[in-house]
Every structure is written in structure tokens, then in C-alpha cells.
Amino acid sequence: MPLSFRVLKPALFGALVLASQPGWAEPALELSQVIHAAVKNDPWLRQSGQLQAALMEESIAEGALPDPRVTIGAANLPTDTFDTGQEAMTQATIGVTQRIPRGESRRLASTKTKTMADVQPFRRANRRAQVTEAVTDLWLDVWRSQQSIRLIEKNRGLFEQLADVAEAGYTSATMGSRQQDVIRASLELTRLEDRLTALQLQLASSREVLGEWIGPDQAQRAVSDHVPPELLKPLPEAWAETSDDALIRHPAIRATDQLIDAQVIDVDLARQAYKPEWSVFAQYGYRDRAPNGQDRADLLTVGVGFDLPIFTGNRQDRRLNASSARLEAVKTERVLQARSLQAKARAALARVEQLDDRIALYQNTLLPQMEEQASAALTAYDNDDGDFAEAVRARIAELNARVELIQMVAERASNLASFRYLTADASDLPSSH
């Protein structure tokens, strides 16, 4: 065997050892930075605050009395002369009428609007949790592609040296079977390049989507090499026993509770329609002197008015029934919402548990065995006692397993992020419920 071929094989074995060593990269974009920037720059949160401020202003307006109504006119004018002093009943009048809404409708309307305003803090808490989950998934997508690219690029040199070994063996040996080794090595390099291209496309796509939340310039930075520890920590074992309590503290559930409170008030508001609406009025009438110069007394009119809600079948009854039906609909929505959150949380919990088992299997058993197999196959080939294709297959299998481990770690972290959102706690926010 030529000297150059004997030198390449030990060098190849050394490259295998170096390729197995972890790489170093300077930490760049941390997940906490991404979450902070995404929440800070989210216009939805500002919109929610503006809507809450508007509802609070409206609640004050709803509790105020209607503006009084002023009327100015002339009463009992003689149509033959239009002389204000001709007839004793002719007056110049000015009157004020104040309407008083039914029952406690003002207070209830104000309370309902304030309750609707109190929904917004829970919606903002839910939105922050949703944004955290969304950008965590995007950050993990970038991390997954970035780590896979680094791993494949780190192993590309090994496959290039495999191709060099095959080429050297083919040019120096007399056996025609070595040509298959050359072709196989070239094919695997081509496949590796195609895989890198696909990963680069995924990385670019994930960064563009992440740029929507944190800006395109920030999204182009490399993410840190390690998944944050809070996404890798063990699952809470007691969640299954306290899941109902955890769900009622979720911001989405608490927002729905506020909507139920508002709808309860709306039912009470509909009941106020059975009470009369009152109004008080006062009118002052000025009278001119009589034609003989005699003074005439001015006149004052005061009174109280009210309506009679006695035909309630097609209006008050229908509106009360409609309000009650809407209340039951919101309660049903809460039940469906709680069921959905619980089912999704349990599904995420099950996926995390399964992924923990798979990750442990890969780290403790499968990867060490594959690495041992790849080293044995390469050693056998180095000693002219093994097949080139088998050495390549073993190395590719180990590379695929390491890429799969990266995928599983990212998937596990993503599912834990979903679980953290589904069990978010908004108990520290005040509520009128």
C-alpha cells in the first residue's frame, strides 16, 4: 500500500476524534432578550391599555345623569293680532326637564363597563404568555437549525477526508471495487451539501418570522448555543392533582370570568326595564301687561312624569331572556375553554415525558453505541479488514442520531414552553370576580 494512503488513514481516524469534540461559539442572542424585546414591542399590549382607559372613561359617563332639557317658547298667542298683551293667557315660557333613568340602571351600566375594562389586564397577561410561547418556538427553530448546521459542518471535513482516502485507495489499488468507494464518498458529500442547504433555508425562514417580533436586524444574530435551563428542568409532578386549581388561575380563564360578571350585570340591567323611567320638569311663564296697563301674575308649572311598562311581553321579557341566554353562553364558553386548556396541557405533558425517555435513551445508550460502532468500522477499514461503505454508513448513522437528538431537545423545550403557557398563573392580578 502506498505511503500516502497509509498516512491518510491515521489522519482520518484523528479527524474522527476531533469531529466528536464539542465546538465553541460565542453566545449571542439569548432567549430572555428575545422575549423581553417581543413583549416590549408588541402593539397589541398598547392597544389593550388604550381600550381599558376608554372603557374606564365610559364607565364614569354611564353613571352620570342625562343632561337636562331646556325648552323656550311662547304659549297661547292670539292668531289674529299676535299681540302678547291682548289675551290674559299669553305667556313667554322657559322650562327645564330632567330625566331619571329606570331603577339602578345608571349604577349597573357603570359597573358593567368597569367590569369590561377589568377584562383587559387578564387579556394582556394572556397575550404576554402567548408571545412568550410564540417567540420561544421561533428561537428554538433558529437554535435547532443553527446547531444542526454547525454539527454537519463540523463533520463535513471528516467526509471530505473519507473521499480523499477512497480516491487515494482507488488510484493506488488494482481492484476495481475501489471505484465504488469513490462514488459513495462523493455521493455522501453531495447529500451533506444538500442537507446543509435545506437547513440554511429553514434557518433563514425562522429568522424572518422572528424578525416580526424583535426586528429584522436583531433576528439575524446567532442565538446562544444552549437552551435555557428552565426549558430543560423536570416537570412538576404535582400538576395532575392540582390541574383544576391551576386552570382557574389562567389569565384566559380569569378574563372569561370577568366577562361572566359583566353578563350577570347585563341580566340585572335588563330587569331594570320593568321599572318606570321618571322625569321632573319646571316651567316659568311670563305674561305681559293687560291693554289697560294692569299687571298680570307670571305662572309657574312643575310636575313629575313617568312611563308605564305594562306591555312587557315583546320587549322587556324578550330582552331579559336574551341576556340570560348570553350569560349561559359565556358560562359554556368557559367550560369549553377550561377543557381545551386542560387537554392541551396534558398532551404537552405526555409529549415531554416521552421525549425525556427518548433523550435519555439517545444520550445514555444509543449515541455511545453508534459512536463505538463508527469507530470500530473505521478502525477495521484502517486495518484493511472492513468495508468502506460500512464505515461511511456507521458515520452517517451517528451524525443522523446527533441531529435527531438536537431536534428532540428543541421539541422537548418547545412542548415545555407550551405547557408553561397552558398553566400560566394570573392570581396576582386583581379582579372584581
Protein backbone atom coordinates (compact mmCIF):
# COMPACT_ATOMS: atom_id res chain seq x y z
CA MET A 1 0.00 0.00 0.00
CA PRO A 2 1.49 3.41 -0.93
CA LEU A 3 2.79 5.67 1.79
CA SER A 4 0.31 8.45 1.07
CA PHE A 5 -2.61 6.08 1.53
CA ARG A 6 -1.19 4.78 4.84
CA VAL A 7 -0.76 8.36 6.08
CA LEU A 8 -4.31 9.38 5.15
CA LYS A 9 -5.99 6.61 7.16
CA PRO A 10 -4.48 7.56 10.56
CA ALA A 11 -5.23 11.19 9.74
CA LEU A 12 -8.81 10.21 9.02
CA PHE A 13 -9.05 8.40 12.36
CA GLY A 14 -7.73 11.50 14.10
CA ALA A 15 -10.30 13.64 12.28
CA LEU A 16 -13.00 11.35 13.64
CA VAL A 17 -11.86 12.03 17.19
CA LEU A 18 -11.72 15.79 16.59
CA ALA A 19 -15.13 15.81 14.92
CA SER A 20 -16.63 14.25 18.03
CA GLN A 21 -15.42 17.11 20.26
CA PRO A 22 -17.91 19.87 21.10
CA GLY A 23 -17.47 23.14 19.21
CA TRP A 24 -17.23 26.58 20.70
CA ALA A 25 -19.30 29.56 19.72
CA GLU A 26 -19.67 32.90 21.39
CA PRO A 27 -23.11 33.30 22.98
CA ALA A 28 -25.16 35.86 21.16
CA LEU A 29 -28.94 36.24 21.23
CA GLU A 30 -30.38 34.87 24.47
CA LEU A 31 -33.99 33.70 24.69
CA SER A 32 -34.67 36.09 27.57
CA GLN A 33 -33.60 39.01 25.36
CA VAL A 34 -35.93 37.85 22.59
CA ILE A 35 -38.91 37.53 24.96
CA HIS A 36 -38.25 40.94 26.52
CA ALA A 37 -37.98 42.66 23.13
CA ALA A 38 -41.07 40.90 21.72
CA VAL A 39 -43.24 41.82 24.71
CA LYS A 40 -41.92 45.37 24.83
CA ASN A 41 -42.57 45.99 21.13
CA ASP A 42 -45.96 44.29 20.94
CA PRO A 43 -48.52 46.89 19.76
CA TRP A 44 -51.41 44.69 20.92
CA LEU A 45 -50.50 45.35 24.55
CA ARG A 46 -50.57 49.11 23.99
CA GLN A 47 -53.91 48.78 22.22
CA SER A 48 -55.31 46.84 25.18
CA GLY A 49 -54.21 49.54 27.60
CA GLN A 50 -55.85 52.20 25.45
CA LEU A 51 -59.08 50.19 25.30
CA GLN A 52 -59.09 49.78 29.07
CA ALA A 53 -58.62 53.53 29.55
CA ALA A 54 -61.50 54.20 27.13
CA LEU A 55 -63.81 51.80 28.99
CA MET A 56 -62.93 53.36 32.35
CA GLU A 57 -63.86 56.79 31.00
CA GLU A 58 -67.10 55.38 29.62
CA SER A 59 -67.96 53.79 32.97
CA ILE A 60 -67.92 57.23 34.59
CA ALA A 61 -70.09 58.63 31.81
CA GLU A 62 -72.55 55.73 32.14
CA GLY A 63 -73.13 56.56 35.81
CA ALA A 64 -73.97 60.22 35.20
CA LEU A 65 -77.48 61.63 34.88
CA PRO A 66 -78.64 62.61 31.39
CA ASP A 67 -78.30 66.29 30.56
CA PRO A 68 -81.40 68.35 31.43
CA ARG A 69 -83.55 69.53 28.55
CA VAL A 70 -84.43 73.23 28.26
CA THR A 71 -87.42 74.48 26.28
CA ILE A 72 -88.13 78.13 25.32
CA GLY A 73 -91.34 79.19 23.66
CA ALA A 74 -94.48 81.31 23.51
CA ALA A 75 -97.78 79.89 24.69
CA ASN A 76 -101.35 80.92 23.83
CA LEU A 77 -100.54 83.63 21.25
CA PRO A 78 -103.65 85.18 19.65
CA THR A 79 -103.50 84.36 15.97
CA ASP A 80 -105.46 87.39 14.85
CA THR A 81 -103.03 90.05 16.09
CA PHE A 82 -100.12 88.15 17.68
CA ASP A 83 -100.24 90.82 20.39
CA THR A 84 -98.73 89.41 23.59
CA GLY A 85 -100.80 91.76 25.74
CA GLN A 86 -104.16 91.08 24.14
CA GLU A 87 -105.03 87.86 25.95
CA ALA A 88 -104.53 87.07 29.60
CA MET A 89 -103.26 83.54 28.91
CA THR A 90 -100.43 84.53 26.53
CA GLN A 91 -97.02 83.71 28.02
CA ALA A 92 -93.33 83.64 27.17
CA THR A 93 -92.18 80.32 28.63
CA ILE A 94 -88.93 78.73 29.65
CA GLY A 95 -88.84 75.19 31.04
CA VAL A 96 -86.34 72.58 32.30
CA THR A 97 -86.87 68.81 32.21
CA GLN A 98 -84.64 66.26 33.94
CA ARG A 99 -84.96 62.60 33.01
CA ILE A 100 -84.15 59.99 35.70
CA PRO A 101 -83.26 56.56 34.22
CA ARG A 102 -85.02 53.42 35.39
CA GLY A 103 -84.20 51.95 38.78
CA GLU A 104 -80.47 51.34 39.24
CA SER A 105 -79.71 51.27 35.54
CA ARG A 106 -77.12 54.06 35.81
CA ARG A 107 -75.13 52.30 38.53
CA LEU A 108 -75.41 48.93 36.81
CA ALA A 109 -74.37 50.32 33.43
CA SER A 110 -71.35 51.97 35.03
CA THR A 111 -70.39 48.79 36.87
CA LYS A 112 -70.78 46.68 33.73
CA THR A 113 -68.48 48.94 31.72
CA LYS A 114 -65.90 48.97 34.50
CA THR A 115 -66.08 45.17 34.66
CA MET A 116 -65.45 45.05 30.91
CA ALA A 117 -62.44 47.29 31.45
CA ASP A 118 -61.16 44.88 34.11
CA VAL A 119 -61.03 42.15 31.45
CA GLN A 120 -58.09 43.85 29.75
CA PRO A 121 -55.37 43.20 32.40
CA PHE A 122 -56.08 39.46 32.12
CA ARG A 123 -56.07 39.63 28.34
CA ARG A 124 -52.71 41.40 28.46
CA ALA A 125 -51.36 38.74 30.83
CA ASN A 126 -52.61 36.07 28.44
CA ARG A 127 -51.10 37.92 25.48
CA ARG A 128 -47.71 38.18 27.19
CA ALA A 129 -47.81 34.44 27.87
CA GLN A 130 -48.78 33.77 24.24
CA VAL A 131 -45.99 36.00 22.93
CA THR A 132 -43.53 34.23 25.21
CA GLU A 133 -44.62 30.86 23.85
CA ALA A 134 -44.55 32.05 20.22
CA VAL A 135 -41.10 33.64 20.28
CA THR A 136 -39.73 30.72 22.30
CA ASP A 137 -40.81 28.38 19.50
CA LEU A 138 -39.19 30.66 16.92
CA TRP A 139 -35.98 30.98 18.94
CA LEU A 140 -35.88 27.18 19.25
CA ASP A 141 -36.39 26.84 15.49
CA VAL A 142 -33.37 29.08 14.92
CA TRP A 143 -31.39 27.19 17.58
CA ARG A 144 -32.30 23.81 16.05
CA SER A 145 -31.23 24.81 12.55
CA GLN A 146 -28.12 26.60 13.80
CA GLN A 147 -26.94 23.66 15.90
CA SER A 148 -27.66 21.16 13.13
CA ILE A 149 -25.70 23.26 10.62
CA ARG A 150 -22.74 23.53 12.99
CA LEU A 151 -22.76 19.80 13.64
CA ILE A 152 -22.89 18.91 9.95
CA GLU A 153 -20.23 21.47 9.03
CA LYS A 154 -18.03 20.11 11.81
CA ASN A 155 -18.37 16.61 10.34
CA ARG A 156 -18.02 17.70 6.72
CA GLY A 157 -14.23 17.67 6.97
CA LEU A 158 -14.37 14.03 8.02
CA PHE A 159 -16.41 13.08 4.96
CA GLU A 160 -14.04 15.07 2.75
CA GLN A 161 -11.15 13.08 4.17
CA LEU A 162 -13.10 9.87 3.59
CA ALA A 163 -13.39 10.91 -0.05
CA ASP A 164 -9.64 11.59 -0.17
CA VAL A 165 -8.93 8.17 1.33
CA ALA A 166 -11.21 6.48 -1.19
CA GLU A 167 -9.60 8.41 -4.06
CA ALA A 168 -6.11 7.51 -2.86
CA GLY A 169 -7.09 3.86 -2.47
CA TYR A 170 -8.64 3.78 -5.93
CA THR A 171 -5.63 5.32 -7.70
CA SER A 172 -3.19 3.01 -5.94
CA ALA A 173 -5.08 -0.30 -5.81
CA THR A 174 -5.60 -2.80 -8.62
CA MET A 175 -9.09 -3.85 -7.50
CA GLY A 176 -11.95 -2.32 -9.47
CA SER A 177 -14.22 -2.35 -6.42
CA ARG A 178 -12.47 0.76 -5.07
CA GLN A 179 -14.29 2.83 -7.67
CA GLN A 180 -17.50 2.21 -5.70
CA ASP A 181 -15.85 3.75 -2.65
CA VAL A 182 -15.03 6.91 -4.59
CA ILE A 183 -18.55 7.20 -5.92
CA ARG A 184 -20.07 6.53 -2.49
CA ALA A 185 -17.86 9.15 -0.83
CA SER A 186 -18.74 11.73 -3.49
CA LEU A 187 -22.44 10.92 -3.16
CA GLU A 188 -22.43 11.34 0.60
CA LEU A 189 -20.67 14.69 0.28
CA THR A 190 -23.33 15.83 -2.17
CA ARG A 191 -26.08 14.69 0.18
CA LEU A 192 -24.40 16.53 3.01
CA GLU A 193 -24.29 19.74 0.97
CA ASP A 194 -27.98 19.35 0.09
CA ARG A 195 -28.81 18.85 3.75
CA LEU A 196 -26.89 21.97 4.68
CA THR A 197 -28.74 23.95 2.01
CA ALA A 198 -32.11 22.78 3.35
CA LEU A 199 -31.09 23.70 6.91
CA GLN A 200 -29.87 27.12 5.78
CA LEU A 201 -33.26 27.69 4.17
CA GLN A 202 -35.04 26.71 7.40
CA LEU A 203 -32.75 28.99 9.39
CA ALA A 204 -33.38 31.97 7.09
CA SER A 205 -37.13 31.39 7.20
CA SER A 206 -37.20 31.15 11.01
CA ARG A 207 -35.16 34.34 11.34
CA GLU A 208 -37.53 36.23 9.06
CA VAL A 209 -40.53 35.19 11.14
CA LEU A 210 -38.67 36.01 14.36
CA GLY A 211 -37.86 39.42 12.88
CA GLU A 212 -41.56 40.28 13.00
CA TRP A 213 -41.31 40.30 16.80
CA ILE A 214 -37.85 41.71 17.53
CA GLY A 215 -36.85 43.45 14.30
CA PRO A 216 -35.05 42.03 11.24
CA ASP A 217 -31.59 43.20 12.32
CA GLN A 218 -31.75 41.54 15.72
CA ALA A 219 -33.16 38.35 14.22
CA GLN A 220 -30.06 37.91 12.04
CA ARG A 221 -27.83 37.46 15.08
CA ALA A 222 -26.76 33.96 16.05
CA VAL A 223 -28.61 32.57 19.04
CA SER A 224 -26.83 31.20 22.08
CA ASP A 225 -25.56 27.63 21.99
CA HIS A 226 -27.55 26.34 24.95
CA VAL A 227 -31.27 26.02 25.61
CA PRO A 228 -32.22 27.94 28.79
CA PRO A 229 -32.28 25.66 31.87
CA GLU A 230 -35.92 26.49 32.67
CA LEU A 231 -36.95 24.72 29.45
CA LEU A 232 -34.97 21.60 30.37
CA LYS A 233 -35.91 21.23 34.01
CA PRO A 234 -38.06 18.28 35.19
CA LEU A 235 -41.81 18.51 35.00
CA PRO A 236 -43.90 19.44 38.05
CA GLU A 237 -45.06 16.10 39.43
CA ALA A 238 -47.99 17.55 41.36
CA TRP A 239 -49.62 19.24 38.38
CA ALA A 240 -52.07 16.40 37.70
CA GLU A 241 -53.51 16.66 41.21
CA THR A 242 -53.82 20.45 41.14
CA SER A 243 -54.69 20.93 37.47
CA ASP A 244 -58.18 22.31 38.16
CA ASP A 245 -56.80 24.92 40.56
CA ALA A 246 -54.07 25.79 38.08
CA LEU A 247 -56.57 26.29 35.26
CA ILE A 248 -58.84 28.67 37.16
CA ARG A 249 -55.81 30.93 37.67
CA HIS A 250 -55.01 31.01 33.95
CA PRO A 251 -55.36 34.57 32.55
CA ALA A 252 -57.64 33.42 29.73
CA ILE A 253 -59.99 31.77 32.23
CA ARG A 254 -59.93 34.78 34.52
CA ALA A 255 -60.72 37.06 31.57
CA THR A 256 -63.75 34.88 30.83
CA ASP A 257 -64.76 35.07 34.50
CA GLN A 258 -64.79 38.84 34.15
CA LEU A 259 -66.99 38.54 31.05
CA ILE A 260 -69.37 36.34 33.06
CA ASP A 261 -69.52 39.04 35.75
CA ALA A 262 -70.31 41.64 33.10
CA GLN A 263 -73.05 39.44 31.65
CA VAL A 264 -74.58 38.90 35.11
CA ILE A 265 -74.78 42.67 35.46
CA ASP A 266 -76.33 42.84 31.99
CA VAL A 267 -79.10 40.50 33.18
CA ASP A 268 -79.73 42.79 36.18
CA LEU A 269 -79.72 45.73 33.79
CA ALA A 270 -82.39 44.06 31.66
CA ARG A 271 -84.55 43.67 34.77
CA GLN A 272 -84.46 47.42 35.31
CA ALA A 273 -86.59 47.82 32.19
CA TYR A 274 -89.60 46.63 34.25
CA LYS A 275 -89.30 49.76 36.40
CA PRO A 276 -90.69 53.13 35.28
CA GLU A 277 -88.48 55.89 33.98
CA TRP A 278 -89.11 59.17 35.80
CA SER A 279 -88.76 62.78 34.79
CA VAL A 280 -89.27 66.05 36.64
CA PHE A 281 -89.97 69.34 34.96
CA ALA A 282 -90.49 73.00 35.83
CA GLN A 283 -91.75 75.78 33.54
CA TYR A 284 -91.88 79.52 34.09
CA GLY A 285 -94.39 81.60 32.09
CA TYR A 286 -94.01 85.37 31.77
CA ARG A 287 -97.16 87.41 30.97
CA ASP A 288 -97.21 90.94 29.55
CA ARG A 289 -99.36 93.74 30.98
CA ALA A 290 -103.04 93.94 30.09
CA PRO A 291 -104.12 96.50 27.45
CA ASN A 292 -105.36 98.76 30.30
CA GLY A 293 -101.91 98.64 31.92
CA GLN A 294 -102.84 96.24 34.68
CA ASP A 295 -100.05 93.85 35.81
CA ARG A 296 -100.59 90.16 35.30
CA ALA A 297 -99.05 87.47 37.53
CA ASP A 298 -96.41 85.23 35.99
CA LEU A 299 -97.11 81.49 36.04
CA LEU A 300 -95.02 78.53 37.29
CA THR A 301 -95.67 74.94 36.27
CA VAL A 302 -94.00 71.94 37.96
CA GLY A 303 -94.66 68.27 37.56
CA VAL A 304 -93.42 64.68 37.51
CA GLY A 305 -93.71 62.24 34.62
CA PHE A 306 -93.18 58.51 34.31
CA ASP A 307 -93.91 55.75 31.85
CA LEU A 308 -95.88 52.58 32.48
CA PRO A 309 -94.00 49.39 31.47
CA ILE A 310 -97.10 47.20 31.44
CA PHE A 311 -96.83 45.67 27.95
CA THR A 312 -93.65 43.69 28.62
CA GLY A 313 -94.25 40.55 26.58
CA ASN A 314 -92.50 41.59 23.38
CA ARG A 315 -89.83 43.89 24.74
CA GLN A 316 -88.73 43.60 28.38
CA ASP A 317 -89.36 39.85 28.60
CA ARG A 318 -87.54 39.18 25.34
CA ARG A 319 -84.55 41.28 26.30
CA LEU A 320 -84.29 39.61 29.70
CA ASN A 321 -84.43 36.20 28.06
CA ALA A 322 -81.74 37.24 25.58
CA SER A 323 -79.45 38.50 28.36
CA SER A 324 -79.93 35.28 30.32
CA ALA A 325 -79.14 33.19 27.24
CA ARG A 326 -75.96 35.18 26.62
CA LEU A 327 -74.94 34.59 30.24
CA GLU A 328 -75.33 30.84 29.81
CA ALA A 329 -73.40 31.01 26.53
CA VAL A 330 -70.44 32.72 28.25
CA LYS A 331 -70.51 30.13 31.04
CA THR A 332 -70.46 27.37 28.44
CA GLU A 333 -67.55 29.08 26.71
CA ARG A 334 -65.65 29.00 30.00
CA VAL A 335 -66.26 25.25 30.35
CA LEU A 336 -65.04 24.63 26.79
CA GLN A 337 -62.03 26.89 27.37
CA ALA A 338 -61.05 25.05 30.55
CA ARG A 339 -61.42 21.66 28.85
CA SER A 340 -59.28 22.77 25.93
CA LEU A 341 -56.53 24.14 28.18
CA GLN A 342 -56.51 21.00 30.31
CA ALA A 343 -56.42 18.66 27.31
CA LYS A 344 -53.61 20.62 25.64
CA ALA A 345 -51.65 20.78 28.90
CA ARG A 346 -51.93 17.02 29.43
CA ALA A 347 -50.93 16.40 25.81
CA ALA A 348 -47.87 18.64 26.19
CA LEU A 349 -47.06 16.90 29.46
CA ALA A 350 -47.24 13.48 27.80
CA ARG A 351 -45.04 14.60 24.89
CA VAL A 352 -42.43 15.99 27.27
CA GLU A 353 -42.37 12.74 29.25
CA GLN A 354 -41.93 10.67 26.09
CA LEU A 355 -39.22 12.97 24.79
CA ASP A 356 -37.40 12.76 28.14
CA ASP A 357 -37.32 8.99 27.76
CA ARG A 358 -36.04 9.21 24.18
CA ILE A 359 -33.41 11.81 25.03
CA ALA A 360 -32.14 9.69 27.92
CA LEU A 361 -32.02 6.65 25.62
CA TYR A 362 -30.04 8.55 23.00
CA GLN A 363 -27.61 10.10 25.45
CA ASN A 364 -27.00 7.06 27.63
CA THR A 365 -27.23 4.17 25.20
CA LEU A 366 -27.82 4.83 21.52
CA LEU A 367 -25.21 7.52 20.81
CA PRO A 368 -22.40 5.76 22.73
CA GLN A 369 -23.19 2.56 20.85
CA MET A 370 -23.27 4.33 17.48
CA GLU A 371 -20.03 6.14 18.22
CA GLU A 372 -18.43 2.85 19.21
CA GLN A 373 -19.75 1.18 16.07
CA ALA A 374 -18.50 4.03 13.84
CA SER A 375 -15.07 3.92 15.48
CA ALA A 376 -14.89 0.13 15.10
CA ALA A 377 -15.91 0.28 11.44
CA LEU A 378 -13.36 2.98 10.72
CA THR A 379 -10.64 1.08 12.61
CA ALA A 380 -11.46 -2.07 10.64
CA TYR A 381 -11.24 -0.16 7.40
CA ASP A 382 -7.98 1.42 8.54
CA ASN A 383 -6.61 -2.08 9.08
CA ASP A 384 -7.81 -3.27 5.66
CA ASP A 385 -10.28 -5.54 7.43
CA GLY A 386 -13.51 -3.62 6.78
CA ASP A 387 -15.70 -2.27 4.06
CA PHE A 388 -15.61 1.39 3.11
CA ALA A 389 -19.40 1.56 2.67
CA GLU A 390 -19.92 0.17 6.16
CA ALA A 391 -17.62 2.80 7.66
CA VAL A 392 -19.50 5.55 5.83
CA ARG A 393 -22.88 4.18 6.86
CA ALA A 394 -21.83 4.00 10.50
CA ARG A 395 -20.57 7.57 10.45
CA ILE A 396 -23.76 8.82 8.73
CA ALA A 397 -25.94 6.93 11.23
CA GLU A 398 -24.09 8.56 14.12
CA LEU A 399 -24.41 12.01 12.52
CA ASN A 400 -28.13 11.48 11.94
CA ALA A 401 -28.59 10.39 15.54
CA ARG A 402 -26.85 13.52 16.83
CA VAL A 403 -29.02 15.74 14.59
CA GLU A 404 -32.08 13.85 15.82
CA LEU A 405 -31.01 14.50 19.41
CA ILE A 406 -30.85 18.23 18.66
CA GLN A 407 -34.37 18.02 17.19
CA MET A 408 -35.66 16.20 20.27
CA VAL A 409 -34.12 18.69 22.70
CA ALA A 410 -35.71 21.57 20.79
CA GLU A 411 -39.05 19.77 20.63
CA ARG A 412 -38.91 18.99 24.34
CA ALA A 413 -38.19 22.63 25.16
CA SER A 414 -40.99 23.76 22.83
CA ASN A 415 -43.52 21.46 24.49
CA LEU A 416 -42.45 22.61 27.93
CA ALA A 417 -42.90 26.22 26.78
CA SER A 418 -46.43 25.31 25.65
CA PHE A 419 -47.07 23.63 29.00
CA ARG A 420 -45.85 26.73 30.82
CA TYR A 421 -48.30 28.87 28.82
CA LEU A 422 -51.21 26.48 29.37
CA THR A 423 -50.60 26.55 33.13
CA ALA A 424 -49.86 30.27 33.38
CA ASP A 425 -50.90 31.89 36.66
CA ALA A 426 -52.61 35.29 36.86
CA SER A 427 -53.57 35.07 40.54
CA ASP A 428 -51.53 38.17 41.33
CA LEU A 429 -53.84 40.36 39.22
CA PRO A 430 -56.81 42.00 40.99
CA SER A 431 -60.29 41.00 39.89
CA SER A 432 -63.84 42.13 40.54
CA HIS A 433 -64.98 38.48 40.26
